[in-house]
Amino acid sequence: MLLYFVIVILLTLLNFYYRPISKNPLITDSYRKSEAYVNDLYKSDEFFKNHLSSKESKRLYENILADIKSGKSSSDFLCQDCISYFREIHYALFLDHPELIAFQNAHASGNSQHIKYDYYRLSPLKTYLGTRRIAREMDIIRRETKKMSDKEKIIYVYDYVAKHNYDYVFMYSNSNQSAYSFFTKGSSVCAGFAKASQIIFQNIGISSYLVLSEEHMWNYVQYEGKYYVFDATMGTSSLYKSEHFYDGLGQTTIGEVTGLYAKYYPKIDETPLKDIFGL
C-alpha cells in the first residue's frame, strides 16, 4: 500500500512539475542574462518602466525587481522624494511582469529622503512549483492552439480564462493579485485574470498589453493590425448568461477604459470584438 502511494505521488510530480515540456519561444539565452528576466513563462520588454517619469524612479523599479527576485520581503532605499511616485513604480511592475508570481502586492512608507517597502510574496517553494505548474499549462495551450487562426486563439483565451471562478471570498486579498492563484487554485480576481491572459497571449503569438485603472485590470489585444479591449473578468460573472458572456470582448464596465499610462498605449478600436467575431 505504501509503495502504491509513493508511485502515485511520483507520477503526479512528474506530470505536474517535471514532465519535459516546450518553452516560450521568445525566451532566449541572451534574455535570460538580462535584468528583466524572471522566469521562462514570459519575456518582458519593460514597456512601462521605459515610460517612468525619471531616472530615479527607474532606479527604484530596478531595485525592487532585484529584491523580489532575490527573495527579500522588505527593503530600505535612499532616494529623493521617491515615496511620492512609488505608486507609479508599483503599477509599472504589475504591468511589465505578469510572470512575477512571487510578487503579490506592496506597501511603502517613508519621507522625502527615504523609502521602506514591504510586499506580500509566495514562499520560494510555492514560487518554484507554481512556475513549473504554469509552464506545463503553457505547453498544453501552445499545442492546443498551434493550428488556430488569430481569431480562434483570442476566443480560446477568453473562454479558457472566463470559465474560471471569480474569487468573491478573498476579492480584496493580496494572495490573488497574480497569475498564481488563477493557475494553481482555479480562481482569482481581475488582476489574476488579466495577467494570466497576458502570459497566454505571448506564448501563443498574440500581441497584447495589460491595462490598469484605479479599480480594475484587463487587456488590450491585437487583431488584424488593430487593438481592442479584452476583459475576461466580465465573462466570469456571466458564465451562465450566454447573452452577456462575450461582453468582455469589446468593453469594460469598471474603471476608465483609457487606463493608467493611457497616452502610451496604441489607439484602441472601439468596435467590440464580439461583433467582429459574430459572437
C-alpha atoms as a PDB file:
ATOM      1  CA  MET A   1       0.000   0.000   0.000  1.00  0.00           C
ATOM      2  CA  LEU A   2       2.816   2.396   0.885  1.00  0.00           C
ATOM      3  CA  LEU A   3       4.551   1.618  -2.402  1.00  0.00           C
ATOM      4  CA  TYR A   4       1.311   2.398  -4.246  1.00  0.00           C
ATOM      5  CA  PHE A   5       1.060   5.859  -2.673  1.00  0.00           C
ATOM      6  CA  VAL A   6       4.725   6.574  -3.383  1.00  0.00           C
ATOM      7  CA  ILE A   7       4.220   5.663  -7.051  1.00  0.00           C
ATOM      8  CA  VAL A   8       1.102   7.859  -7.284  1.00  0.00           C
ATOM      9  CA  ILE A   9       2.942  10.811  -5.733  1.00  0.00           C
ATOM     10  CA  LEU A  10       5.924  10.375  -8.049  1.00  0.00           C
ATOM     11  CA  LEU A  11       3.707  10.147 -11.137  1.00  0.00           C
ATOM     12  CA  THR A  12       1.786  13.250 -10.041  1.00  0.00           C
ATOM     13  CA  LEU A  13       5.010  15.198  -9.549  1.00  0.00           C
ATOM     14  CA  LEU A  14       6.271  14.042 -12.935  1.00  0.00           C
ATOM     15  CA  ASN A  15       3.074  15.060 -14.703  1.00  0.00           C
ATOM     16  CA  PHE A  16       2.521  18.391 -12.980  1.00  0.00           C
ATOM     17  CA  TYR A  17       6.052  19.652 -12.439  1.00  0.00           C
ATOM     18  CA  TYR A  18       8.813  17.651 -14.108  1.00  0.00           C
ATOM     19  CA  ARG A  19       7.442  16.327 -17.400  1.00  0.00           C
ATOM     20  CA  PRO A  20       9.589  17.595 -20.306  1.00  0.00           C
ATOM     21  CA  ILE A  21       7.785  20.480 -21.987  1.00  0.00           C
ATOM     22  CA  SER A  22       8.291  23.009 -24.762  1.00  0.00           C
ATOM     23  CA  LYS A  23       9.079  26.577 -23.723  1.00  0.00           C
ATOM     24  CA  ASN A  24       8.105  30.104 -24.640  1.00  0.00           C
ATOM     25  CA  PRO A  25       9.943  30.600 -27.960  1.00  0.00           C
ATOM     26  CA  LEU A  26      10.707  34.247 -27.113  1.00  0.00           C
ATOM     27  CA  ILE A  27      12.884  33.335 -24.107  1.00  0.00           C
ATOM     28  CA  THR A  28      16.415  33.250 -25.457  1.00  0.00           C
ATOM     29  CA  ASP A  29      19.727  32.704 -23.696  1.00  0.00           C
ATOM     30  CA  SER A  30      20.589  36.380 -24.086  1.00  0.00           C
ATOM     31  CA  TYR A  31      17.287  37.429 -22.480  1.00  0.00           C
ATOM     32  CA  ARG A  32      17.928  35.088 -19.541  1.00  0.00           C
ATOM     33  CA  LYS A  33      21.071  37.114 -18.836  1.00  0.00           C
ATOM     34  CA  SER A  34      19.208  40.429 -18.754  1.00  0.00           C
ATOM     35  CA  GLU A  35      17.966  42.215 -15.624  1.00  0.00           C
ATOM     36  CA  ALA A  36      14.404  41.905 -16.910  1.00  0.00           C
ATOM     37  CA  TYR A  37      14.450  38.098 -16.826  1.00  0.00           C
ATOM     38  CA  VAL A  38      12.362  36.462 -14.084  1.00  0.00           C
ATOM     39  CA  ASN A  39      11.468  33.037 -15.463  1.00  0.00           C
ATOM     40  CA  ASP A  40      10.721  31.237 -18.742  1.00  0.00           C
ATOM     41  CA  LEU A  41       6.990  31.982 -18.687  1.00  0.00           C
ATOM     42  CA  TYR A  42       7.139  35.467 -20.191  1.00  0.00           C
ATOM     43  CA  LYS A  43       9.536  37.864 -21.900  1.00  0.00           C
ATOM     44  CA  SER A  44       9.057  41.416 -20.652  1.00  0.00           C
ATOM     45  CA  ASP A  45      10.001  44.393 -22.793  1.00  0.00           C
ATOM     46  CA  GLU A  46       9.544  46.559 -19.649  1.00  0.00           C
ATOM     47  CA  PHE A  47       7.395  48.911 -21.706  1.00  0.00           C
ATOM     48  CA  PHE A  48       6.058  50.752 -18.663  1.00  0.00           C
ATOM     49  CA  LYS A  49       9.413  51.022 -16.920  1.00  0.00           C
ATOM     50  CA  ASN A  50      10.674  52.835 -20.011  1.00  0.00           C
ATOM     51  CA  HIS A  51       7.893  55.403 -19.565  1.00  0.00           C
ATOM     52  CA  LEU A  52       8.536  56.149 -15.891  1.00  0.00           C
ATOM     53  CA  SER A  53       8.920  59.835 -15.161  1.00  0.00           C
ATOM     54  CA  SER A  54      12.558  59.960 -14.006  1.00  0.00           C
ATOM     55  CA  LYS A  55      15.872  58.120 -13.764  1.00  0.00           C
ATOM     56  CA  GLU A  56      15.314  57.909 -10.006  1.00  0.00           C
ATOM     57  CA  SER A  57      12.004  56.088 -10.444  1.00  0.00           C
ATOM     58  CA  LYS A  58      13.596  53.674 -12.911  1.00  0.00           C
ATOM     59  CA  ARG A  59      16.398  53.022 -10.424  1.00  0.00           C
ATOM     60  CA  LEU A  60      13.868  52.234  -7.693  1.00  0.00           C
ATOM     61  CA  TYR A  61      11.948  49.980 -10.091  1.00  0.00           C
ATOM     62  CA  GLU A  62      15.142  48.032 -10.822  1.00  0.00           C
ATOM     63  CA  ASN A  63      15.974  47.844  -7.120  1.00  0.00           C
ATOM     64  CA  ILE A  64      12.552  46.461  -6.183  1.00  0.00           C
ATOM     65  CA  LEU A  65      12.606  43.934  -9.024  1.00  0.00           C
ATOM     66  CA  ALA A  66      16.054  42.715  -7.980  1.00  0.00           C
ATOM     67  CA  ASP A  67      14.907  42.414  -4.354  1.00  0.00           C
ATOM     68  CA  ILE A  68      11.821  40.417  -5.323  1.00  0.00           C
ATOM     69  CA  LYS A  69      13.877  38.037  -7.468  1.00  0.00           C
ATOM     70  CA  SER A  70      16.386  37.565  -4.653  1.00  0.00           C
ATOM     71  CA  GLY A  71      13.629  36.608  -2.192  1.00  0.00           C
ATOM     72  CA  LYS A  72      13.588  39.667   0.064  1.00  0.00           C
ATOM     73  CA  SER A  73      10.290  40.625   1.665  1.00  0.00           C
ATOM     74  CA  SER A  74      11.250  44.227   2.501  1.00  0.00           C
ATOM     75  CA  SER A  75      13.921  46.804   1.717  1.00  0.00           C
ATOM     76  CA  ASP A  76      15.046  50.324   2.504  1.00  0.00           C
ATOM     77  CA  PHE A  77      16.034  52.705  -0.228  1.00  0.00           C
ATOM     78  CA  LEU A  78      17.540  56.181  -0.176  1.00  0.00           C
ATOM     79  CA  CYS A  79      16.083  58.443  -2.820  1.00  0.00           C
ATOM     80  CA  GLN A  80      14.799  61.940  -3.469  1.00  0.00           C
ATOM     81  CA  ASP A  81      11.061  62.156  -2.776  1.00  0.00           C
ATOM     82  CA  CYS A  82      10.503  58.618  -4.103  1.00  0.00           C
ATOM     83  CA  ILE A  83       7.578  57.994  -1.743  1.00  0.00           C
ATOM     84  CA  SER A  84       5.546  60.345  -3.952  1.00  0.00           C
ATOM     85  CA  TYR A  85       5.995  58.219  -7.069  1.00  0.00           C
ATOM     86  CA  PHE A  86       6.065  54.734  -5.532  1.00  0.00           C
ATOM     87  CA  ARG A  87       2.547  54.049  -6.822  1.00  0.00           C
ATOM     88  CA  GLU A  88       3.710  54.754 -10.377  1.00  0.00           C
ATOM     89  CA  ILE A  89       6.604  52.299  -9.952  1.00  0.00           C
ATOM     90  CA  HIS A  90       4.441  49.675  -8.258  1.00  0.00           C
ATOM     91  CA  TYR A  91       1.932  49.744 -11.102  1.00  0.00           C
ATOM     92  CA  ALA A  92       4.680  49.612 -13.730  1.00  0.00           C
ATOM     93  CA  LEU A  93       5.981  46.394 -12.148  1.00  0.00           C
ATOM     94  CA  PHE A  94       2.438  44.970 -12.153  1.00  0.00           C
ATOM     95  CA  LEU A  95       2.054  45.751 -15.851  1.00  0.00           C
ATOM     96  CA  ASP A  96       5.537  44.781 -17.041  1.00  0.00           C
ATOM     97  CA  HIS A  97       5.899  41.460 -15.249  1.00  0.00           C
ATOM     98  CA  PRO A  98       2.799  39.234 -15.180  1.00  0.00           C
ATOM     99  CA  GLU A  99       5.189  36.292 -14.821  1.00  0.00           C
ATOM    100  CA  LEU A 100       6.357  37.588 -11.426  1.00  0.00           C
ATOM    101  CA  ILE A 101       4.101  35.244  -9.465  1.00  0.00           C
ATOM    102  CA  ALA A 102       6.062  35.638  -6.221  1.00  0.00           C
ATOM    103  CA  PHE A 103       5.157  39.323  -6.130  1.00  0.00           C
ATOM    104  CA  GLN A 104       1.571  39.813  -4.986  1.00  0.00           C
ATOM    105  CA  ASN A 105       1.359  43.361  -3.660  1.00  0.00           C
ATOM    106  CA  ALA A 106       3.483  46.028  -1.999  1.00  0.00           C
ATOM    107  CA  HIS A 107       3.228  48.739   0.627  1.00  0.00           C
ATOM    108  CA  ALA A 108       5.562  51.695   1.079  1.00  0.00           C
ATOM    109  CA  SER A 109       6.251  54.195   3.829  1.00  0.00           C
ATOM    110  CA  GLY A 110       8.879  56.879   4.226  1.00  0.00           C
ATOM    111  CA  ASN A 111       9.691  60.529   3.703  1.00  0.00           C
ATOM    112  CA  SER A 112      11.339  62.786   1.144  1.00  0.00           C
ATOM    113  CA  GLN A 113      14.760  61.164   1.603  1.00  0.00           C
ATOM    114  CA  HIS A 114      13.984  57.537   2.340  1.00  0.00           C
ATOM    115  CA  ILE A 115      11.510  54.788   1.490  1.00  0.00           C
ATOM    116  CA  LYS A 116      10.794  51.410   3.033  1.00  0.00           C
ATOM    117  CA  TYR A 117       8.667  48.927   1.154  1.00  0.00           C
ATOM    118  CA  ASP A 118       7.249  45.562   2.143  1.00  0.00           C
ATOM    119  CA  TYR A 119       5.497  43.163  -0.145  1.00  0.00           C
ATOM    120  CA  TYR A 120       3.382  40.078   0.170  1.00  0.00           C
ATOM    121  CA  ARG A 121       5.201  37.222  -1.527  1.00  0.00           C
ATOM    122  CA  LEU A 122       4.978  33.493  -2.027  1.00  0.00           C
ATOM    123  CA  SER A 123       7.469  31.173  -0.387  1.00  0.00           C
ATOM    124  CA  PRO A 124      10.373  30.055  -2.608  1.00  0.00           C
ATOM    125  CA  LEU A 125       8.903  26.532  -2.783  1.00  0.00           C
ATOM    126  CA  LYS A 126       5.451  27.750  -3.875  1.00  0.00           C
ATOM    127  CA  THR A 127       7.073  30.065  -6.394  1.00  0.00           C
ATOM    128  CA  TYR A 128       9.128  27.242  -7.894  1.00  0.00           C
ATOM    129  CA  LEU A 129       6.278  24.731  -8.008  1.00  0.00           C
ATOM    130  CA  GLY A 130       3.821  27.375  -9.234  1.00  0.00           C
ATOM    131  CA  THR A 131       6.148  28.381 -12.065  1.00  0.00           C
ATOM    132  CA  ARG A 132       6.546  24.741 -13.100  1.00  0.00           C
ATOM    133  CA  ARG A 133       2.785  24.229 -12.981  1.00  0.00           C
ATOM    134  CA  ILE A 134       2.127  27.263 -15.188  1.00  0.00           C
ATOM    135  CA  ALA A 135       4.895  26.240 -17.616  1.00  0.00           C
ATOM    136  CA  ARG A 136       3.212  22.847 -18.032  1.00  0.00           C
ATOM    137  CA  GLU A 137      -0.117  24.545 -18.728  1.00  0.00           C
ATOM    138  CA  MET A 138       1.506  26.856 -21.305  1.00  0.00           C
ATOM    139  CA  ASP A 139       2.880  23.784 -23.073  1.00  0.00           C
ATOM    140  CA  ILE A 140      -0.641  22.322 -23.309  1.00  0.00           C
ATOM    141  CA  ILE A 141      -2.106  25.626 -24.525  1.00  0.00           C
ATOM    142  CA  ARG A 142       0.587  26.098 -27.174  1.00  0.00           C
ATOM    143  CA  ARG A 143      -0.146  22.629 -28.550  1.00  0.00           C
ATOM    144  CA  GLU A 144      -3.926  23.126 -28.493  1.00  0.00           C
ATOM    145  CA  THR A 145      -3.738  26.473 -30.323  1.00  0.00           C
ATOM    146  CA  LYS A 146      -0.923  25.659 -32.740  1.00  0.00           C
ATOM    147  CA  LYS A 147      -3.137  25.417 -35.826  1.00  0.00           C
ATOM    148  CA  MET A 148      -5.670  28.085 -34.831  1.00  0.00           C
ATOM    149  CA  SER A 149      -6.203  31.421 -36.559  1.00  0.00           C
ATOM    150  CA  ASP A 150      -5.719  34.615 -34.521  1.00  0.00           C
ATOM    151  CA  LYS A 151      -9.496  34.913 -34.141  1.00  0.00           C
ATOM    152  CA  GLU A 152      -9.725  31.373 -32.817  1.00  0.00           C
ATOM    153  CA  LYS A 153      -6.809  31.976 -30.442  1.00  0.00           C
ATOM    154  CA  ILE A 154      -8.393  35.114 -28.937  1.00  0.00           C
ATOM    155  CA  ILE A 155     -11.724  33.353 -28.419  1.00  0.00           C
ATOM    156  CA  TYR A 156      -9.867  30.357 -26.965  1.00  0.00           C
ATOM    157  CA  VAL A 157      -8.091  32.524 -24.391  1.00  0.00           C
ATOM    158  CA  TYR A 158     -11.300  34.331 -23.474  1.00  0.00           C
ATOM    159  CA  ASP A 159     -13.180  31.060 -22.981  1.00  0.00           C
ATOM    160  CA  TYR A 160     -10.300  29.483 -21.084  1.00  0.00           C
ATOM    161  CA  VAL A 161      -9.868  32.402 -18.668  1.00  0.00           C
ATOM    162  CA  ALA A 162     -13.502  33.474 -18.256  1.00  0.00           C
ATOM    163  CA  LYS A 163     -14.661  29.987 -17.336  1.00  0.00           C
ATOM    164  CA  HIS A 164     -12.563  30.063 -14.179  1.00  0.00           C
ATOM    165  CA  ASN A 165     -14.062  31.255 -10.901  1.00  0.00           C
ATOM    166  CA  TYR A 166     -14.120  34.807  -9.588  1.00  0.00           C
ATOM    167  CA  ASP A 167     -12.756  34.852  -6.034  1.00  0.00           C
ATOM    168  CA  TYR A 168     -15.584  36.655  -4.233  1.00  0.00           C
ATOM    169  CA  VAL A 169     -14.466  35.338  -0.837  1.00  0.00           C
ATOM    170  CA  PHE A 170     -10.976  36.831  -0.934  1.00  0.00           C
ATOM    171  CA  MET A 171     -11.520  39.549  -3.531  1.00  0.00           C
ATOM    172  CA  TYR A 172      -9.529  42.115  -1.505  1.00  0.00           C
ATOM    173  CA  SER A 173      -6.730  39.731  -0.551  1.00  0.00           C
ATOM    174  CA  ASN A 174      -3.125  40.191  -1.630  1.00  0.00           C
ATOM    175  CA  SER A 175      -2.940  36.468  -2.378  1.00  0.00           C
ATOM    176  CA  ASN A 176      -4.960  36.640  -5.594  1.00  0.00           C
ATOM    177  CA  GLN A 177      -3.276  39.589  -7.325  1.00  0.00           C
ATOM    178  CA  SER A 178      -1.016  37.449  -9.520  1.00  0.00           C
ATOM    179  CA  ALA A 179      -1.410  34.684 -12.089  1.00  0.00           C
ATOM    180  CA  TYR A 180      -0.507  32.165  -9.380  1.00  0.00           C
ATOM    181  CA  SER A 181      -3.984  31.917  -7.884  1.00  0.00           C
ATOM    182  CA  PHE A 182      -5.542  31.593 -11.336  1.00  0.00           C
ATOM    183  CA  PHE A 183      -3.351  28.721 -12.498  1.00  0.00           C
ATOM    184  CA  THR A 184      -2.972  26.839  -9.206  1.00  0.00           C
ATOM    185  CA  LYS A 185      -6.307  27.460  -7.445  1.00  0.00           C
ATOM    186  CA  GLY A 186      -8.638  27.960 -10.399  1.00  0.00           C
ATOM    187  CA  SER A 187      -9.941  31.241  -9.027  1.00  0.00           C
ATOM    188  CA  SER A 188      -8.756  34.842  -8.941  1.00  0.00           C
ATOM    189  CA  VAL A 189      -9.802  38.466  -9.375  1.00  0.00           C
ATOM    190  CA  CYS A 190      -9.314  40.829 -12.323  1.00  0.00           C
ATOM    191  CA  ALA A 191      -5.542  41.157 -11.796  1.00  0.00           C
ATOM    192  CA  GLY A 192      -5.053  37.392 -11.922  1.00  0.00           C
ATOM    193  CA  PHE A 193      -7.296  37.008 -14.972  1.00  0.00           C
ATOM    194  CA  ALA A 194      -5.571  39.804 -16.888  1.00  0.00           C
ATOM    195  CA  LYS A 195      -2.054  38.610 -16.059  1.00  0.00           C
ATOM    196  CA  ALA A 196      -2.921  35.019 -16.982  1.00  0.00           C
ATOM    197  CA  SER A 197      -4.331  36.277 -20.293  1.00  0.00           C
ATOM    198  CA  GLN A 198      -1.171  38.304 -20.939  1.00  0.00           C
ATOM    199  CA  ILE A 199       1.098  35.302 -20.348  1.00  0.00           C
ATOM    200  CA  ILE A 200      -1.027  33.062 -22.561  1.00  0.00           C
ATOM    201  CA  PHE A 201      -1.240  35.600 -25.392  1.00  0.00           C
ATOM    202  CA  GLN A 202       2.531  35.932 -25.616  1.00  0.00           C
ATOM    203  CA  ASN A 203       3.006  32.173 -25.537  1.00  0.00           C
ATOM    204  CA  ILE A 204       0.651  31.676 -28.500  1.00  0.00           C
ATOM    205  CA  GLY A 205       1.855  34.602 -30.603  1.00  0.00           C
ATOM    206  CA  ILE A 206      -0.816  37.257 -29.986  1.00  0.00           C
ATOM    207  CA  SER A 207       0.288  40.837 -29.216  1.00  0.00           C
ATOM    208  CA  SER A 208      -1.373  42.348 -26.140  1.00  0.00           C
ATOM    209  CA  TYR A 209      -0.996  44.833 -23.290  1.00  0.00           C
ATOM    210  CA  LEU A 210      -2.001  44.805 -19.643  1.00  0.00           C
ATOM    211  CA  VAL A 211      -4.211  47.759 -18.665  1.00  0.00           C
ATOM    212  CA  LEU A 212      -4.734  49.052 -15.129  1.00  0.00           C
ATOM    213  CA  SER A 213      -7.159  51.630 -13.745  1.00  0.00           C
ATOM    214  CA  GLU A 214      -7.839  52.516 -10.107  1.00  0.00           C
ATOM    215  CA  GLU A 215     -10.325  49.676  -9.709  1.00  0.00           C
ATOM    216  CA  HIS A 216      -9.747  47.159 -12.468  1.00  0.00           C
ATOM    217  CA  MET A 217      -7.264  45.325 -14.687  1.00  0.00           C
ATOM    218  CA  TRP A 218      -7.772  43.963 -18.208  1.00  0.00           C
ATOM    219  CA  ASN A 219      -6.001  43.676 -21.584  1.00  0.00           C
ATOM    220  CA  TYR A 220      -5.740  45.277 -24.992  1.00  0.00           C
ATOM    221  CA  VAL A 221      -5.348  42.612 -27.682  1.00  0.00           C
ATOM    222  CA  GLN A 222      -4.262  42.979 -31.302  1.00  0.00           C
ATOM    223  CA  TYR A 223      -6.329  41.574 -34.131  1.00  0.00           C
ATOM    224  CA  GLU A 224      -5.607  42.272 -37.814  1.00  0.00           C
ATOM    225  CA  GLY A 225      -3.400  45.256 -37.010  1.00  0.00           C
ATOM    226  CA  LYS A 226      -5.772  46.967 -34.559  1.00  0.00           C
ATOM    227  CA  TYR A 227      -6.070  46.809 -30.768  1.00  0.00           C
ATOM    228  CA  TYR A 228      -9.288  46.023 -28.926  1.00  0.00           C
ATOM    229  CA  VAL A 229     -10.490  45.724 -25.334  1.00  0.00           C
ATOM    230  CA  PHE A 230     -10.240  42.195 -23.923  1.00  0.00           C
ATOM    231  CA  ASP A 231     -11.735  41.811 -20.440  1.00  0.00           C
ATOM    232  CA  ALA A 232     -12.156  38.146 -19.490  1.00  0.00           C
ATOM    233  CA  THR A 233     -13.193  39.123 -15.957  1.00  0.00           C
ATOM    234  CA  MET A 234     -16.569  40.177 -17.363  1.00  0.00           C
ATOM    235  CA  GLY A 235     -17.145  36.621 -18.556  1.00  0.00           C
ATOM    236  CA  THR A 236     -16.536  35.129 -15.108  1.00  0.00           C
ATOM    237  CA  SER A 237     -19.649  36.853 -13.762  1.00  0.00           C
ATOM    238  CA  SER A 238     -21.872  35.950 -16.714  1.00  0.00           C
ATOM    239  CA  LEU A 239     -20.891  32.349 -17.447  1.00  0.00           C
ATOM    240  CA  TYR A 240     -24.492  31.168 -17.276  1.00  0.00           C
ATOM    241  CA  LYS A 241     -25.894  34.235 -19.067  1.00  0.00           C
ATOM    242  CA  SER A 242     -24.973  33.420 -22.634  1.00  0.00           C
ATOM    243  CA  GLU A 243     -26.155  36.749 -23.992  1.00  0.00           C
ATOM    244  CA  HIS A 244     -23.598  38.570 -21.815  1.00  0.00           C
ATOM    245  CA  PHE A 245     -20.703  36.117 -21.704  1.00  0.00           C
ATOM    246  CA  TYR A 246     -18.714  37.710 -24.524  1.00  0.00           C
ATOM    247  CA  ASP A 247     -19.291  41.330 -23.454  1.00  0.00           C
ATOM    248  CA  GLY A 248     -15.662  41.381 -22.297  1.00  0.00           C
ATOM    249  CA  LEU A 249     -14.587  41.191 -25.939  1.00  0.00           C
ATOM    250  CA  GLY A 250     -15.060  44.862 -26.571  1.00  0.00           C
ATOM    251  CA  GLN A 251     -15.939  46.746 -23.422  1.00  0.00           C
ATOM    252  CA  THR A 252     -15.212  47.028 -19.719  1.00  0.00           C
ATOM    253  CA  THR A 253     -17.615  48.253 -17.074  1.00  0.00           C
ATOM    254  CA  ILE A 254     -15.191  49.004 -14.264  1.00  0.00           C
ATOM    255  CA  GLY A 255     -12.777  51.929 -14.177  1.00  0.00           C
ATOM    256  CA  GLU A 256     -11.745  54.099 -17.082  1.00  0.00           C
ATOM    257  CA  VAL A 257     -11.171  52.302 -20.351  1.00  0.00           C
ATOM    258  CA  THR A 258      -8.210  54.592 -21.003  1.00  0.00           C
ATOM    259  CA  GLY A 259      -6.390  53.143 -18.006  1.00  0.00           C
ATOM    260  CA  LEU A 260      -3.139  54.098 -16.295  1.00  0.00           C
ATOM    261  CA  TYR A 261      -0.396  55.352 -18.653  1.00  0.00           C
ATOM    262  CA  ALA A 262      -3.189  55.856 -21.214  1.00  0.00           C
ATOM    263  CA  LYS A 263      -1.166  58.079 -23.525  1.00  0.00           C
ATOM    264  CA  TYR A 264       1.431  55.363 -24.129  1.00  0.00           C
ATOM    265  CA  TYR A 265      -0.951  52.679 -25.389  1.00  0.00           C
ATOM    266  CA  PRO A 266      -1.791  52.210 -29.068  1.00  0.00           C
ATOM    267  CA  LYS A 267      -5.112  53.649 -30.185  1.00  0.00           C
ATOM    268  CA  ILE A 268      -7.995  51.309 -29.376  1.00  0.00           C
ATOM    269  CA  ASP A 269     -10.655  50.413 -31.926  1.00  0.00           C
ATOM    270  CA  GLU A 270     -13.994  50.837 -30.151  1.00  0.00           C
ATOM    271  CA  THR A 271     -15.771  48.217 -32.263  1.00  0.00           C
ATOM    272  CA  PRO A 272     -16.499  45.246 -29.953  1.00  0.00           C
ATOM    273  CA  LEU A 273     -14.527  42.179 -30.960  1.00  0.00           C
ATOM    274  CA  LYS A 274     -17.590  40.079 -30.194  1.00  0.00           C
ATOM    275  CA  ASP A 275     -19.356  41.869 -33.075  1.00  0.00           C
ATOM    276  CA  ILE A 276     -16.399  41.412 -35.417  1.00  0.00           C
ATOM    277  CA  PHE A 277     -16.249  37.725 -34.461  1.00  0.00           C
ATOM    278  CA  GLY A 278     -20.022  37.290 -34.681  1.00  0.00           C
ATOM    279  CA  LEU A 279     -20.411  36.084 -31.094  1.00  0.00           C
END
